[in-house]
Amino acid sequence: MAHHKLLLEDDDTDTYSLVAIHCSEEAYKMAYLLNKFVGLKLHRRTVDLEYSNNGLEVTFPLFDYENEMQYTTFNLVANKSKSLSANIQSSSGLFKDVASETITTHLLPELKKADYFLKIYSDFEIIPLRKLISDINEIKQVISAYSVDPEEIKSKRNLIFD
């Protein structure tokens, strides 16, 4: 009797470029700077990127721009999200003690130093990535921007925005 094997392949075959950006500005300001100096038209999604991390709901601001003429999609996402965790401690007194702490969660934990990621997906292989990174580095508020190889990222499933 013949044996048949089914091979399940991961559907991570979408090729995209990823640019890490170090900048201390807020997410809306970073999107504005990229729109102004790089020529993008990023706009914020109505629903942010949401994850659950150890029972804590975490949201990351997400901005999109789809260039229909070049068949290219740009996604700007923050790498850091700060949320408050409240711990209620009972006391023998009249009032309860409430201790809260700020927890910082990273979208890509292996790149904790990066503040933002610009994901560029194109139907064509030709993306002027060097010029784009050079233009981003010219922005006064940006500390640095560089290309990241998506294959080296362990948590690349967090970069699926659909």
N, C-alpha and C. Protein backbone atom coordinates (compact mmCIF):
# COMPACT_ATOMS: atom_id res chain seq x y z
N MET A 1 0.84 -1.17 0.00
CA MET A 1 0.00 0.00 0.00
C MET A 1 0.89 1.24 0.00
N ALA A 2 0.57 2.21 -0.78
CA ALA A 2 1.37 3.44 -0.91
C ALA A 2 1.06 4.39 0.23
N HIS A 3 2.08 5.02 0.70
CA HIS A 3 1.92 6.03 1.76
C HIS A 3 1.99 7.42 1.14
N HIS A 4 1.07 8.25 1.51
CA HIS A 4 1.05 9.61 1.02
C HIS A 4 1.37 10.55 2.18
N LYS A 5 2.22 11.50 1.92
CA LYS A 5 2.56 12.49 2.94
C LYS A 5 2.05 13.85 2.50
N LEU A 6 1.49 14.55 3.45
CA LEU A 6 1.07 15.92 3.20
C LEU A 6 2.10 16.84 3.84
N LEU A 7 2.65 17.71 3.07
CA LEU A 7 3.62 18.66 3.58
C LEU A 7 2.92 19.99 3.79
N LEU A 8 2.91 20.44 5.01
CA LEU A 8 2.33 21.72 5.34
C LEU A 8 3.43 22.76 5.39
N GLU A 9 3.30 23.73 4.55
CA GLU A 9 4.31 24.77 4.50
C GLU A 9 3.77 26.02 5.17
N ASP A 10 4.67 26.74 5.76
CA ASP A 10 4.30 28.00 6.40
C ASP A 10 3.99 29.01 5.31
N ASP A 11 2.96 29.81 5.53
CA ASP A 11 2.55 30.79 4.54
C ASP A 11 3.23 32.13 4.78
N ASP A 12 4.51 32.09 5.14
CA ASP A 12 5.27 33.32 5.34
C ASP A 12 6.10 33.63 4.10
N THR A 13 5.54 33.35 2.94
CA THR A 13 6.29 33.54 1.71
C THR A 13 6.21 34.97 1.20
N ASP A 14 5.40 35.81 1.85
CA ASP A 14 5.33 37.20 1.43
C ASP A 14 6.66 37.87 1.68
N THR A 15 7.22 38.42 0.64
CA THR A 15 8.49 39.11 0.80
C THR A 15 8.21 40.59 1.05
N TYR A 16 8.87 41.11 2.03
CA TYR A 16 8.73 42.51 2.37
C TYR A 16 10.06 43.02 2.90
N SER A 17 10.19 44.31 2.90
CA SER A 17 11.36 44.95 3.47
C SER A 17 10.96 45.56 4.80
N LEU A 18 11.91 45.61 5.71
CA LEU A 18 11.64 46.12 7.04
C LEU A 18 12.73 47.12 7.41
N VAL A 19 12.29 48.30 7.83
CA VAL A 19 13.21 49.35 8.25
C VAL A 19 12.94 49.65 9.72
N ALA A 20 13.98 49.56 10.54
CA ALA A 20 13.88 49.92 11.95
C ALA A 20 14.23 51.39 12.09
N ILE A 21 13.45 52.11 12.90
CA ILE A 21 13.63 53.54 13.08
C ILE A 21 13.77 53.84 14.57
N HIS A 22 14.82 54.57 14.91
CA HIS A 22 15.02 55.03 16.29
C HIS A 22 14.65 56.51 16.34
N CYS A 23 13.62 56.83 17.08
CA CYS A 23 13.13 58.20 17.19
C CYS A 23 12.31 58.31 18.46
N SER A 24 12.50 59.39 19.21
CA SER A 24 11.80 59.53 20.48
C SER A 24 10.46 60.24 20.35
N GLU A 25 10.06 60.59 19.15
CA GLU A 25 8.78 61.28 18.94
C GLU A 25 7.61 60.31 19.10
N GLU A 26 6.43 60.87 19.30
CA GLU A 26 5.20 60.08 19.37
C GLU A 26 4.89 59.49 17.98
N ALA A 27 4.01 58.50 17.95
CA ALA A 27 3.71 57.79 16.71
C ALA A 27 3.09 58.71 15.66
N TYR A 28 2.16 59.56 16.06
CA TYR A 28 1.52 60.46 15.09
C TYR A 28 2.53 61.45 14.52
N LYS A 29 3.49 61.87 15.33
CA LYS A 29 4.52 62.80 14.87
C LYS A 29 5.48 62.10 13.91
N MET A 30 5.81 60.84 14.19
CA MET A 30 6.68 60.08 13.29
C MET A 30 6.01 59.89 11.94
N ALA A 31 4.72 59.59 11.94
CA ALA A 31 3.99 59.45 10.67
C ALA A 31 3.97 60.77 9.92
N TYR A 32 3.78 61.87 10.65
CA TYR A 32 3.77 63.20 10.02
C TYR A 32 5.13 63.50 9.39
N LEU A 33 6.22 63.19 10.10
CA LEU A 33 7.56 63.45 9.58
C LEU A 33 7.85 62.62 8.34
N LEU A 34 7.42 61.37 8.34
CA LEU A 34 7.61 60.54 7.14
C LEU A 34 6.77 61.05 5.98
N ASN A 35 5.57 61.53 6.26
CA ASN A 35 4.74 62.09 5.20
C ASN A 35 5.39 63.35 4.62
N LYS A 36 5.91 64.18 5.48
CA LYS A 36 6.46 65.46 5.04
C LYS A 36 7.79 65.32 4.32
N PHE A 37 8.71 64.54 4.87
CA PHE A 37 10.07 64.51 4.34
C PHE A 37 10.35 63.36 3.39
N VAL A 38 9.57 62.30 3.44
CA VAL A 38 9.81 61.14 2.57
C VAL A 38 8.78 61.08 1.45
N GLY A 39 7.66 61.76 1.62
CA GLY A 39 6.66 61.79 0.57
C GLY A 39 5.62 60.68 0.70
N LEU A 40 5.50 60.10 1.87
CA LEU A 40 4.46 59.10 2.08
C LEU A 40 3.16 59.79 2.44
N LYS A 41 2.09 59.04 2.47
CA LYS A 41 0.78 59.57 2.87
C LYS A 41 0.17 58.63 3.90
N LEU A 42 0.91 58.45 4.98
CA LEU A 42 0.47 57.54 6.03
C LEU A 42 -0.75 58.11 6.75
N HIS A 43 -1.69 57.26 7.07
CA HIS A 43 -2.84 57.64 7.89
C HIS A 43 -3.08 56.53 8.90
N ARG A 44 -3.60 56.91 10.04
CA ARG A 44 -3.79 55.96 11.12
C ARG A 44 -5.00 55.09 10.86
N ARG A 45 -4.85 53.83 11.14
CA ARG A 45 -5.98 52.91 11.03
C ARG A 45 -6.98 53.22 12.13
N THR A 46 -8.23 52.92 11.86
CA THR A 46 -9.26 53.17 12.87
C THR A 46 -9.11 52.21 14.06
N VAL A 47 -8.56 51.02 13.80
CA VAL A 47 -8.32 50.04 14.86
C VAL A 47 -6.82 49.78 14.93
N ASP A 48 -6.25 49.96 16.12
CA ASP A 48 -4.83 49.72 16.30
C ASP A 48 -4.54 48.23 16.30
N LEU A 49 -3.27 47.91 16.22
CA LEU A 49 -2.82 46.53 16.29
C LEU A 49 -2.92 46.07 17.74
N GLU A 50 -3.66 45.00 17.99
CA GLU A 50 -3.92 44.55 19.36
C GLU A 50 -3.36 43.16 19.58
N TYR A 51 -2.73 42.98 20.75
CA TYR A 51 -2.21 41.68 21.16
C TYR A 51 -2.56 41.46 22.62
N SER A 52 -2.58 40.21 23.01
CA SER A 52 -2.76 39.86 24.41
C SER A 52 -1.43 39.30 24.90
N ASN A 53 -0.90 39.90 25.94
CA ASN A 53 0.39 39.50 26.48
C ASN A 53 0.24 39.20 27.96
N ASN A 54 0.25 37.91 28.31
CA ASN A 54 0.11 37.47 29.70
C ASN A 54 -1.15 38.04 30.35
N GLY A 55 -2.26 38.01 29.63
CA GLY A 55 -3.52 38.50 30.17
C GLY A 55 -3.68 40.00 30.11
N LEU A 56 -2.72 40.70 29.57
CA LEU A 56 -2.76 42.16 29.46
C LEU A 56 -2.98 42.53 28.00
N GLU A 57 -4.03 43.30 27.72
CA GLU A 57 -4.30 43.73 26.34
C GLU A 57 -3.34 44.86 25.97
N VAL A 58 -2.63 44.69 24.87
CA VAL A 58 -1.62 45.65 24.44
C VAL A 58 -1.99 46.14 23.05
N THR A 59 -1.90 47.46 22.82
CA THR A 59 -2.19 48.02 21.50
C THR A 59 -0.97 48.79 21.00
N PHE A 60 -0.75 48.69 19.71
CA PHE A 60 0.33 49.40 19.04
C PHE A 60 -0.27 50.28 17.95
N PRO A 61 0.09 51.57 17.91
CA PRO A 61 -0.43 52.45 16.85
C PRO A 61 0.05 51.96 15.48
N LEU A 62 -0.84 51.96 14.50
CA LEU A 62 -0.53 51.45 13.17
C LEU A 62 -1.00 52.45 12.13
N PHE A 63 -0.09 52.79 11.20
CA PHE A 63 -0.36 53.73 10.13
C PHE A 63 -0.14 53.02 8.79
N ASP A 64 -0.99 53.31 7.80
CA ASP A 64 -0.92 52.66 6.49
C ASP A 64 -0.84 53.70 5.37
N TYR A 65 -0.24 53.26 4.27
CA TYR A 65 -0.28 54.02 3.03
C TYR A 65 -0.13 53.02 1.89
N GLU A 66 -1.08 53.05 0.97
CA GLU A 66 -1.02 52.17 -0.19
C GLU A 66 -0.81 53.01 -1.43
N ASN A 67 0.35 52.84 -2.04
CA ASN A 67 0.69 53.54 -3.27
C ASN A 67 0.22 52.67 -4.43
N GLU A 68 -0.93 53.02 -5.00
CA GLU A 68 -1.53 52.20 -6.04
C GLU A 68 -0.77 52.29 -7.36
N MET A 69 -0.06 53.38 -7.56
CA MET A 69 0.70 53.53 -8.82
C MET A 69 1.91 52.61 -8.85
N GLN A 70 2.53 52.36 -7.70
CA GLN A 70 3.71 51.50 -7.63
C GLN A 70 3.41 50.14 -7.02
N TYR A 71 2.14 49.87 -6.72
CA TYR A 71 1.73 48.61 -6.11
C TYR A 71 2.54 48.31 -4.86
N THR A 72 2.64 49.30 -4.00
CA THR A 72 3.44 49.19 -2.79
C THR A 72 2.61 49.61 -1.59
N THR A 73 2.75 48.88 -0.49
CA THR A 73 2.06 49.21 0.75
C THR A 73 3.09 49.48 1.84
N PHE A 74 2.89 50.58 2.55
CA PHE A 74 3.76 50.97 3.65
C PHE A 74 2.97 50.87 4.95
N ASN A 75 3.56 50.25 5.96
CA ASN A 75 2.96 50.17 7.29
C ASN A 75 3.97 50.68 8.30
N LEU A 76 3.57 51.67 9.07
CA LEU A 76 4.40 52.17 10.16
C LEU A 76 3.75 51.70 11.46
N VAL A 77 4.52 51.02 12.29
CA VAL A 77 4.00 50.50 13.55
C VAL A 77 5.00 50.80 14.66
N ALA A 78 4.48 51.15 15.81
CA ALA A 78 5.33 51.39 16.97
C ALA A 78 5.79 50.05 17.54
N ASN A 79 7.00 50.02 18.06
CA ASN A 79 7.54 48.80 18.63
C ASN A 79 7.24 48.70 20.12
N LYS A 80 6.94 49.82 20.76
CA LYS A 80 6.75 49.82 22.21
C LYS A 80 5.33 50.24 22.56
N SER A 81 4.79 49.56 23.55
CA SER A 81 3.48 49.91 24.07
C SER A 81 3.57 49.87 25.58
N LYS A 82 3.11 50.95 26.20
CA LYS A 82 3.13 51.01 27.66
C LYS A 82 1.70 50.90 28.16
N SER A 83 1.50 50.02 29.16
CA SER A 83 0.19 49.85 29.75
C SER A 83 0.32 49.74 31.26
N LEU A 84 -0.75 50.10 31.93
CA LEU A 84 -0.78 50.06 33.38
C LEU A 84 -1.36 48.73 33.85
N SER A 85 -0.72 48.15 34.83
CA SER A 85 -1.21 46.94 35.45
C SER A 85 -1.52 47.26 36.90
N ALA A 86 -2.74 47.03 37.31
CA ALA A 86 -3.16 47.35 38.68
C ALA A 86 -3.21 46.08 39.50
N ASN A 87 -2.56 46.12 40.64
CA ASN A 87 -2.58 45.01 41.58
C ASN A 87 -3.29 45.49 42.84
N ILE A 88 -4.38 44.82 43.20
CA ILE A 88 -5.12 45.20 44.40
C ILE A 88 -4.61 44.34 45.55
N GLN A 89 -4.14 45.01 46.56
CA GLN A 89 -3.63 44.30 47.74
C GLN A 89 -4.58 44.60 48.89
N SER A 90 -5.04 43.55 49.52
CA SER A 90 -5.97 43.77 50.63
C SER A 90 -5.19 44.17 51.89
N SER A 91 -5.78 45.01 52.61
CA SER A 91 -5.17 45.42 53.87
C SER A 91 -6.21 45.29 54.98
N SER A 92 -5.74 45.34 56.16
CA SER A 92 -6.66 45.17 57.28
C SER A 92 -7.38 46.47 57.62
N GLY A 93 -7.02 47.55 56.91
CA GLY A 93 -7.61 48.85 57.18
C GLY A 93 -8.91 49.07 56.45
N LEU A 94 -9.32 50.30 56.45
CA LEU A 94 -10.57 50.70 55.84
C LEU A 94 -10.49 50.72 54.32
N PHE A 95 -9.32 51.09 53.78
CA PHE A 95 -9.14 51.23 52.33
C PHE A 95 -8.24 50.14 51.78
N LYS A 96 -8.47 49.81 50.53
CA LYS A 96 -7.61 48.84 49.86
C LYS A 96 -6.41 49.57 49.27
N ASP A 97 -5.29 48.91 49.29
CA ASP A 97 -4.09 49.46 48.67
C ASP A 97 -4.05 49.02 47.21
N VAL A 98 -3.96 49.97 46.33
CA VAL A 98 -3.89 49.67 44.90
C VAL A 98 -2.51 50.09 44.42
N ALA A 99 -1.77 49.13 43.93
CA ALA A 99 -0.44 49.41 43.38
C ALA A 99 -0.50 49.21 41.88
N SER A 100 -0.06 50.18 41.14
CA SER A 100 -0.05 50.04 39.69
C SER A 100 1.38 50.21 39.19
N GLU A 101 1.67 49.48 38.15
CA GLU A 101 2.99 49.58 37.55
C GLU A 101 2.85 49.68 36.03
N THR A 102 3.80 50.37 35.42
CA THR A 102 3.80 50.52 33.98
C THR A 102 4.60 49.37 33.37
N ILE A 103 3.97 48.68 32.45
CA ILE A 103 4.62 47.55 31.78
C ILE A 103 4.84 47.93 30.32
N THR A 104 6.08 47.80 29.87
CA THR A 104 6.42 48.07 28.48
C THR A 104 6.49 46.75 27.72
N THR A 105 5.73 46.67 26.64
CA THR A 105 5.70 45.48 25.80
C THR A 105 6.25 45.86 24.43
N HIS A 106 7.05 44.96 23.85
CA HIS A 106 7.64 45.21 22.53
C HIS A 106 6.97 44.32 21.49
N LEU A 107 6.72 44.89 20.34
CA LEU A 107 6.14 44.13 19.23
C LEU A 107 7.13 43.07 18.75
N LEU A 108 8.38 43.47 18.58
CA LEU A 108 9.46 42.55 18.24
C LEU A 108 10.47 42.58 19.37
N PRO A 109 10.39 41.64 20.31
CA PRO A 109 11.26 41.68 21.49
C PRO A 109 12.74 41.57 21.17
N GLU A 110 13.10 40.97 20.05
CA GLU A 110 14.52 40.84 19.73
C GLU A 110 15.13 42.15 19.24
N LEU A 111 14.30 43.13 18.93
CA LEU A 111 14.78 44.46 18.51
C LEU A 111 14.19 45.51 19.46
N LYS A 112 14.51 45.40 20.74
CA LYS A 112 13.93 46.27 21.76
C LYS A 112 14.35 47.73 21.61
N LYS A 113 15.49 47.98 21.03
CA LYS A 113 15.99 49.35 20.94
C LYS A 113 15.26 50.18 19.88
N ALA A 114 14.68 49.52 18.89
CA ALA A 114 13.98 50.24 17.82
C ALA A 114 12.65 50.76 18.33
N ASP A 115 12.31 51.99 17.93
CA ASP A 115 11.06 52.60 18.36
C ASP A 115 9.92 52.33 17.37
N TYR A 116 10.24 52.27 16.07
CA TYR A 116 9.23 52.07 15.03
C TYR A 116 9.77 51.12 13.97
N PHE A 117 8.83 50.51 13.26
CA PHE A 117 9.18 49.69 12.10
C PHE A 117 8.35 50.15 10.92
N LEU A 118 9.01 50.28 9.79
CA LEU A 118 8.34 50.60 8.53
C LEU A 118 8.41 49.35 7.68
N LYS A 119 7.26 48.72 7.50
CA LYS A 119 7.17 47.50 6.69
C LYS A 119 6.75 47.91 5.29
N ILE A 120 7.51 47.46 4.29
CA ILE A 120 7.25 47.83 2.91
C ILE A 120 7.01 46.56 2.12
N TYR A 121 5.79 46.43 1.61
CA TYR A 121 5.43 45.28 0.80
C TYR A 121 5.16 45.78 -0.62
N SER A 122 5.80 45.14 -1.58
CA SER A 122 5.62 45.55 -2.97
C SER A 122 5.42 44.32 -3.85
N ASP A 123 4.60 44.47 -4.87
CA ASP A 123 4.42 43.39 -5.83
C ASP A 123 5.64 43.25 -6.72
N PHE A 124 6.44 44.28 -6.80
CA PHE A 124 7.66 44.25 -7.59
C PHE A 124 8.85 44.13 -6.65
N GLU A 125 9.92 43.58 -7.14
CA GLU A 125 11.12 43.41 -6.32
C GLU A 125 11.93 44.70 -6.22
N ILE A 126 11.63 45.68 -7.04
CA ILE A 126 12.42 46.91 -7.08
C ILE A 126 11.85 47.93 -6.10
N ILE A 127 12.53 48.08 -4.98
CA ILE A 127 12.16 49.10 -4.00
C ILE A 127 13.43 49.90 -3.73
N PRO A 128 13.40 51.19 -3.95
CA PRO A 128 14.61 51.99 -3.69
C PRO A 128 14.84 52.14 -2.18
N LEU A 129 15.25 51.04 -1.54
CA LEU A 129 15.37 50.99 -0.09
C LEU A 129 16.49 51.88 0.42
N ARG A 130 17.60 51.92 -0.28
CA ARG A 130 18.72 52.77 0.15
C ARG A 130 18.34 54.25 0.17
N LYS A 131 17.65 54.69 -0.85
CA LYS A 131 17.24 56.08 -0.91
C LYS A 131 16.21 56.38 0.18
N LEU A 132 15.30 55.45 0.42
CA LEU A 132 14.29 55.62 1.45
C LEU A 132 14.95 55.73 2.83
N ILE A 133 15.89 54.85 3.12
CA ILE A 133 16.59 54.90 4.41
C ILE A 133 17.41 56.17 4.53
N SER A 134 18.01 56.58 3.45
CA SER A 134 18.78 57.83 3.45
C SER A 134 17.87 59.03 3.72
N ASP A 135 16.69 59.04 3.10
CA ASP A 135 15.73 60.13 3.33
C ASP A 135 15.23 60.15 4.77
N ILE A 136 15.01 58.97 5.34
CA ILE A 136 14.56 58.89 6.73
C ILE A 136 15.66 59.38 7.67
N ASN A 137 16.90 59.02 7.39
CA ASN A 137 18.02 59.47 8.23
C ASN A 137 18.25 60.97 8.14
N GLU A 138 17.77 61.60 7.09
CA GLU A 138 17.92 63.05 6.95
C GLU A 138 16.96 63.84 7.85
N ILE A 139 15.94 63.18 8.36
CA ILE A 139 14.98 63.84 9.24
C ILE A 139 15.68 64.16 10.56
N LYS A 140 15.56 65.39 11.00
CA LYS A 140 16.28 65.86 12.18
C LYS A 140 15.93 65.08 13.45
N GLN A 141 14.68 64.71 13.62
CA GLN A 141 14.24 64.04 14.83
C GLN A 141 14.60 62.54 14.87
N VAL A 142 14.97 61.98 13.73
CA VAL A 142 15.30 60.56 13.67
C VAL A 142 16.76 60.36 14.07
N ILE A 143 16.97 59.46 15.02
CA ILE A 143 18.33 59.16 15.46
C ILE A 143 19.03 58.29 14.44
N SER A 144 18.37 57.20 14.04
CA SER A 144 18.92 56.34 12.99
C SER A 144 17.81 55.48 12.39
N ALA A 145 18.07 55.05 11.18
CA ALA A 145 17.17 54.13 10.47
C ALA A 145 18.03 53.17 9.68
N TYR A 146 17.65 51.91 9.68
CA TYR A 146 18.44 50.90 8.99
C TYR A 146 17.54 49.74 8.59
N SER A 147 18.02 48.97 7.63
CA SER A 147 17.26 47.83 7.13
C SER A 147 17.47 46.63 8.06
N VAL A 148 16.40 45.87 8.23
CA VAL A 148 16.44 44.66 9.05
C VAL A 148 16.03 43.49 8.17
N ASP A 149 16.75 42.39 8.29
CA ASP A 149 16.41 41.20 7.52
C ASP A 149 15.25 40.48 8.20
N PRO A 150 14.08 40.39 7.56
CA PRO A 150 12.92 39.76 8.20
C PRO A 150 13.12 38.28 8.51
N GLU A 151 14.03 37.62 7.81
CA GLU A 151 14.27 36.20 8.05
C GLU A 151 14.95 35.95 9.39
N GLU A 152 15.63 36.95 9.94
CA GLU A 152 16.34 36.79 11.20
C GLU A 152 15.47 37.08 12.42
N ILE A 153 14.23 37.50 12.19
CA ILE A 153 13.33 37.86 13.28
C ILE A 153 12.55 36.62 13.70
N LYS A 154 12.58 36.31 14.98
CA LYS A 154 11.87 35.14 15.49
C LYS A 154 10.37 35.38 15.59
N SER A 155 9.97 36.59 15.96
CA SER A 155 8.56 36.90 16.15
C SER A 155 7.98 37.65 14.96
N LYS A 156 8.28 37.20 13.76
CA LYS A 156 7.80 37.92 12.58
C LYS A 156 6.30 37.77 12.36
N ARG A 157 5.66 36.86 13.07
CA ARG A 157 4.20 36.74 13.00
C ARG A 157 3.53 37.98 13.54
N ASN A 158 4.21 38.73 14.38
CA ASN A 158 3.65 39.98 14.92
C ASN A 158 3.58 41.06 13.85
N LEU A 159 4.22 40.85 12.72
CA LEU A 159 4.20 41.84 11.64
C LEU A 159 3.12 41.58 10.61
N ILE A 160 2.19 40.70 10.93
CA ILE A 160 1.05 40.44 10.05
C ILE A 160 -0.07 41.38 10.48
N PHE A 161 -0.44 42.31 9.62
CA PHE A 161 -1.36 43.39 10.00
C PHE A 161 -2.77 43.20 9.45
N ASP A 162 -3.05 42.16 8.72
CA ASP A 162 -4.37 41.98 8.13
C ASP A 162 -5.34 41.34 9.07
